[in-house]
Protein backbone atom coordinates (compact mmCIF):
# COMPACT_ATOMS: atom_id res chain seq x y z
CA UNK A 1 -0.42 0.10 -0.05
CA UNK A 2 1.08 3.71 -0.48
CA UNK A 3 2.65 4.85 2.41
CA UNK A 4 0.64 8.57 2.70
CA UNK A 5 -2.09 6.91 1.64
CA UNK A 6 -2.43 4.22 3.74
CA UNK A 7 -1.03 6.95 6.69
CA UNK A 8 -4.03 9.14 6.02
CA UNK A 9 -6.52 5.86 5.75
CA UNK A 10 -4.45 5.27 9.24
CA UNK A 11 -5.25 8.98 10.58
CA UNK A 12 -9.36 9.09 9.21
CA UNK A 13 -9.76 6.38 11.21
CA UNK A 14 -9.70 3.65 8.59
CA UNK A 15 -11.87 5.01 6.03
CA UNK A 16 -12.41 3.36 3.19
CA UNK A 17 -9.72 4.38 -0.11
CA UNK A 18 -12.95 5.71 -2.25
CA UNK A 19 -14.08 8.35 -0.32
CA UNK A 20 -10.06 8.46 0.48
CA UNK A 21 -9.37 10.04 -2.17
CA UNK A 22 -13.41 11.51 -2.38
CA UNK A 23 -11.48 14.22 0.25
CA UNK A 24 -8.68 14.57 -2.05
CA UNK A 25 -9.75 15.81 -5.54
CA UNK A 26 -12.09 17.96 -3.87
CA UNK A 27 -9.92 19.64 -0.60
CA UNK A 28 -11.96 19.34 2.04
CA UNK A 29 -9.20 18.30 4.85
CA UNK A 30 -6.73 20.78 4.75
CA UNK A 31 -3.01 18.90 4.22
CA UNK A 32 -4.94 15.79 1.84
CA UNK A 33 -3.33 15.78 -1.28
CA UNK A 34 -4.73 13.67 -4.39
CA UNK A 35 -4.37 10.54 -3.73
CA UNK A 36 -4.14 7.73 -6.77
CA UNK A 37 -5.28 4.12 -7.37
CA UNK A 38 -4.53 2.08 -3.89
CA UNK A 39 -2.16 0.88 -4.83
CA UNK A 40 -2.85 -3.17 -4.50
CA UNK A 41 -3.28 -4.43 -0.54
CA UNK A 42 -4.94 -4.99 2.60
CA UNK A 43 -4.77 -3.24 5.96
CA UNK A 44 -3.90 -5.53 8.59
CA UNK A 45 -6.54 -4.33 11.49
CA UNK A 46 -9.53 -3.54 8.88
CA UNK A 47 -9.42 -6.86 7.47
CA UNK A 48 -9.11 -8.12 11.02
CA UNK A 49 -12.07 -5.81 11.79
CA UNK A 50 -13.89 -7.33 9.23
CA UNK A 51 -13.59 -11.10 9.73
CA UNK A 52 -16.47 -13.29 10.84
CA UNK A 53 -15.81 -16.74 13.82
CA UNK A 54 -16.10 -20.10 12.67
CA UNK A 55 -18.35 -22.20 13.21
CA UNK A 56 -16.28 -25.45 15.92
CA UNK A 57 -16.13 -28.89 13.78
CA UNK A 58 -18.97 -31.78 15.17
CA UNK A 59 -16.61 -34.05 17.52
CA UNK A 60 -17.63 -37.08 16.14
CA UNK A 61 -18.48 -38.70 20.79
CA UNK A 62 -19.87 -37.35 22.34
CA UNK A 63 -19.15 -36.07 26.38
CA UNK A 64 -20.44 -36.91 29.80
CA UNK A 65 -20.48 -35.90 33.18
CA UNK A 66 -21.50 -38.31 34.93
CA UNK A 67 -20.70 -42.72 34.02
CA UNK A 68 -24.03 -44.03 33.46
């Protein structure tokens, strides 16, 4: 990921890249340069935040607390 895009992505609370480019294009944020297309990369914290829990596989055997 481009360092400048990554820096602004983090500064603005991990905003999506399309909106970051829009802010730069219309000079909505002071100091934010016009950003080009995002490089092919994934932000680690964003990826973790979008993960979902996977289901646990059912075991072959049932367990009991007391003998039958």
